[in-house]
N, C-alpha and C. Protein backbone atom coordinates (compact mmCIF):
# COMPACT_ATOMS: atom_id res chain seq x y z
N MET A 1 -12.68 -15.24 1.26
CA MET A 1 -11.92 -14.45 2.29
C MET A 1 -10.64 -13.96 1.66
N ALA A 2 -10.27 -12.71 2.00
CA ALA A 2 -9.04 -12.09 1.50
C ALA A 2 -7.83 -12.71 2.14
N ASN A 3 -6.70 -12.70 1.37
CA ASN A 3 -5.46 -13.19 1.96
C ASN A 3 -4.93 -12.22 3.09
N LYS A 4 -4.33 -12.80 4.08
CA LYS A 4 -3.82 -12.04 5.14
C LYS A 4 -2.38 -11.57 4.82
N HIS A 5 -2.19 -10.24 4.64
CA HIS A 5 -0.87 -9.71 4.40
C HIS A 5 -0.13 -9.51 5.58
N THR A 6 1.14 -9.96 5.67
CA THR A 6 1.92 -9.90 6.94
C THR A 6 3.32 -9.30 6.65
N ALA A 7 3.50 -8.61 5.53
CA ALA A 7 4.81 -8.12 5.24
C ALA A 7 5.27 -7.17 6.30
N GLY A 8 4.46 -6.29 6.83
CA GLY A 8 4.83 -5.37 7.88
C GLY A 8 5.37 -6.07 9.08
N ARG A 9 4.71 -7.08 9.52
CA ARG A 9 5.12 -7.79 10.72
C ARG A 9 6.42 -8.52 10.46
N GLU A 10 6.50 -9.13 9.30
CA GLU A 10 7.76 -9.91 8.94
C GLU A 10 8.97 -8.99 8.89
N GLN A 11 8.83 -7.82 8.32
CA GLN A 11 9.98 -6.89 8.15
C GLN A 11 10.17 -5.98 9.36
N LEU A 12 9.20 -5.51 9.99
CA LEU A 12 9.34 -4.52 11.03
C LEU A 12 8.74 -4.93 12.41
N GLY A 13 8.30 -6.10 12.48
CA GLY A 13 7.59 -6.56 13.72
C GLY A 13 8.40 -6.24 15.00
N GLU A 14 9.66 -6.61 15.09
CA GLU A 14 10.37 -6.24 16.32
C GLU A 14 10.82 -4.83 16.47
N PHE A 15 11.10 -4.18 15.32
CA PHE A 15 11.71 -2.83 15.30
C PHE A 15 10.56 -1.78 15.53
N ALA A 16 9.41 -1.96 14.86
CA ALA A 16 8.34 -1.00 14.98
C ALA A 16 6.98 -1.75 14.96
N PRO A 17 6.64 -2.38 16.00
CA PRO A 17 5.49 -3.20 16.08
C PRO A 17 4.15 -2.49 15.73
N LYS A 18 4.02 -1.30 16.21
CA LYS A 18 2.75 -0.55 15.98
C LYS A 18 2.64 -0.16 14.48
N PHE A 19 3.80 0.27 13.84
CA PHE A 19 3.76 0.56 12.42
C PHE A 19 3.45 -0.67 11.68
N ALA A 20 4.04 -1.83 12.03
CA ALA A 20 3.77 -3.07 11.38
C ALA A 20 2.25 -3.42 11.46
N GLU A 21 1.66 -3.24 12.59
CA GLU A 21 0.25 -3.54 12.88
C GLU A 21 -0.56 -2.59 11.94
N LEU A 22 -0.27 -1.32 11.86
CA LEU A 22 -1.07 -0.42 11.07
C LEU A 22 -0.89 -0.79 9.64
N HIS A 23 0.31 -1.10 9.23
CA HIS A 23 0.58 -1.50 7.83
C HIS A 23 -0.25 -2.75 7.42
N ASP A 24 -0.20 -3.69 8.14
CA ASP A 24 -0.93 -4.91 7.85
C ASP A 24 -2.47 -4.87 8.04
N ASP A 25 -2.81 -4.39 9.24
CA ASP A 25 -4.26 -4.50 9.57
C ASP A 25 -5.10 -3.37 9.00
N VAL A 26 -4.58 -2.15 9.07
CA VAL A 26 -5.33 -0.96 8.57
C VAL A 26 -5.18 -0.89 7.02
N LEU A 27 -4.00 -0.84 6.51
CA LEU A 27 -3.81 -0.60 5.11
C LEU A 27 -4.38 -1.79 4.26
N PHE A 28 -3.93 -2.94 4.56
CA PHE A 28 -4.34 -4.09 3.80
C PHE A 28 -5.65 -4.63 4.30
N GLY A 29 -5.95 -4.60 5.54
CA GLY A 29 -7.18 -5.19 6.05
C GLY A 29 -8.36 -4.25 5.82
N ASP A 30 -8.30 -3.03 6.16
CA ASP A 30 -9.39 -2.11 6.09
C ASP A 30 -9.57 -1.33 4.72
N ILE A 31 -8.46 -0.91 4.30
CA ILE A 31 -8.46 -0.04 3.06
C ILE A 31 -8.41 -0.83 1.75
N TRP A 32 -7.41 -1.66 1.63
CA TRP A 32 -7.20 -2.32 0.31
C TRP A 32 -8.31 -3.35 0.06
N ALA A 33 -8.89 -3.89 1.13
CA ALA A 33 -9.93 -4.97 0.93
C ALA A 33 -11.33 -4.45 0.69
N ARG A 34 -11.51 -3.19 0.43
CA ARG A 34 -12.84 -2.59 0.26
C ARG A 34 -13.32 -2.93 -1.19
N GLU A 35 -13.75 -4.14 -1.34
CA GLU A 35 -14.25 -4.51 -2.68
C GLU A 35 -15.47 -3.84 -3.22
N GLU A 36 -16.32 -3.48 -2.24
CA GLU A 36 -17.61 -2.79 -2.65
C GLU A 36 -17.42 -1.43 -3.26
N GLU A 37 -16.34 -0.69 -2.93
CA GLU A 37 -16.05 0.62 -3.51
C GLU A 37 -15.43 0.55 -4.85
N LEU A 38 -14.30 -0.17 -4.93
CA LEU A 38 -13.47 -0.28 -6.14
C LEU A 38 -13.04 -1.71 -6.30
N SER A 39 -12.98 -2.20 -7.52
CA SER A 39 -12.54 -3.54 -7.84
C SER A 39 -11.07 -3.58 -7.64
N SER A 40 -10.47 -4.79 -7.59
CA SER A 40 -9.07 -5.01 -7.46
C SER A 40 -8.37 -4.41 -8.71
N ARG A 41 -8.93 -4.52 -9.84
CA ARG A 41 -8.31 -3.95 -11.00
C ARG A 41 -8.23 -2.43 -10.94
N ASP A 42 -9.32 -1.80 -10.53
CA ASP A 42 -9.38 -0.35 -10.42
C ASP A 42 -8.34 0.11 -9.40
N ARG A 43 -8.26 -0.55 -8.29
CA ARG A 43 -7.32 -0.17 -7.17
C ARG A 43 -5.87 -0.30 -7.67
N SER A 44 -5.63 -1.40 -8.42
CA SER A 44 -4.32 -1.55 -8.96
C SER A 44 -3.92 -0.51 -10.00
N MET A 45 -4.88 -0.16 -10.86
CA MET A 45 -4.65 0.88 -11.84
C MET A 45 -4.33 2.22 -11.18
N ILE A 46 -5.11 2.57 -10.11
CA ILE A 46 -4.85 3.80 -9.30
C ILE A 46 -3.47 3.78 -8.69
N THR A 47 -3.07 2.62 -8.11
CA THR A 47 -1.79 2.56 -7.53
C THR A 47 -0.67 2.76 -8.52
N VAL A 48 -0.76 2.06 -9.67
CA VAL A 48 0.26 2.21 -10.70
C VAL A 48 0.30 3.65 -11.20
N SER A 49 -0.84 4.27 -11.43
CA SER A 49 -0.87 5.66 -11.92
C SER A 49 -0.22 6.60 -10.90
N ALA A 50 -0.50 6.41 -9.57
CA ALA A 50 0.12 7.23 -8.58
C ALA A 50 1.67 7.04 -8.52
N LEU A 51 2.09 5.84 -8.68
CA LEU A 51 3.52 5.60 -8.63
C LEU A 51 4.24 6.17 -9.93
N ILE A 52 3.61 6.13 -11.02
CA ILE A 52 4.10 6.78 -12.25
C ILE A 52 4.13 8.25 -12.07
N ALA A 53 3.10 8.89 -11.57
CA ALA A 53 3.03 10.32 -11.39
C ALA A 53 4.10 10.79 -10.39
N ASP A 54 4.25 10.05 -9.31
CA ASP A 54 5.29 10.32 -8.29
C ASP A 54 6.69 10.33 -8.93
N CYS A 55 7.01 9.34 -9.67
CA CYS A 55 8.27 9.20 -10.36
C CYS A 55 8.48 10.32 -11.31
N PHE A 56 7.48 10.68 -12.09
CA PHE A 56 7.55 11.76 -13.06
C PHE A 56 7.79 13.12 -12.28
N SER A 57 7.08 13.31 -11.13
CA SER A 57 7.31 14.51 -10.40
C SER A 57 8.70 14.61 -9.86
N ALA A 58 9.27 13.51 -9.39
CA ALA A 58 10.63 13.50 -8.88
C ALA A 58 11.61 13.78 -10.03
N TYR A 59 11.31 13.22 -11.21
CA TYR A 59 12.24 13.46 -12.36
C TYR A 59 12.23 14.90 -12.81
N LYS A 60 11.05 15.54 -12.81
CA LYS A 60 10.96 16.92 -13.14
C LYS A 60 11.60 17.84 -12.18
N SER A 61 11.63 17.49 -10.92
CA SER A 61 12.17 18.38 -9.96
C SER A 61 13.65 18.20 -9.80
N GLY A 62 14.22 17.15 -10.50
CA GLY A 62 15.60 16.92 -10.46
C GLY A 62 16.09 16.07 -9.28
N SER A 63 15.14 15.48 -8.55
CA SER A 63 15.54 14.63 -7.43
C SER A 63 15.46 13.16 -7.76
N PHE A 64 15.50 12.83 -9.01
CA PHE A 64 15.35 11.48 -9.43
C PHE A 64 16.70 10.82 -9.45
């Protein structure tokens, strides 16, 4: 069984409960836990690549 992520509820629970619910249940529950489509390694590689590309894009546009 996958670990239950609760960072959204811990940080935003009282301030934005619906956002916290979407963050925890949809993002980590439904999307990130899809083991049959991509392995954890592949998902992590995609995440790191997207973060690097975003940082590079911000650097090139001068907003870094």
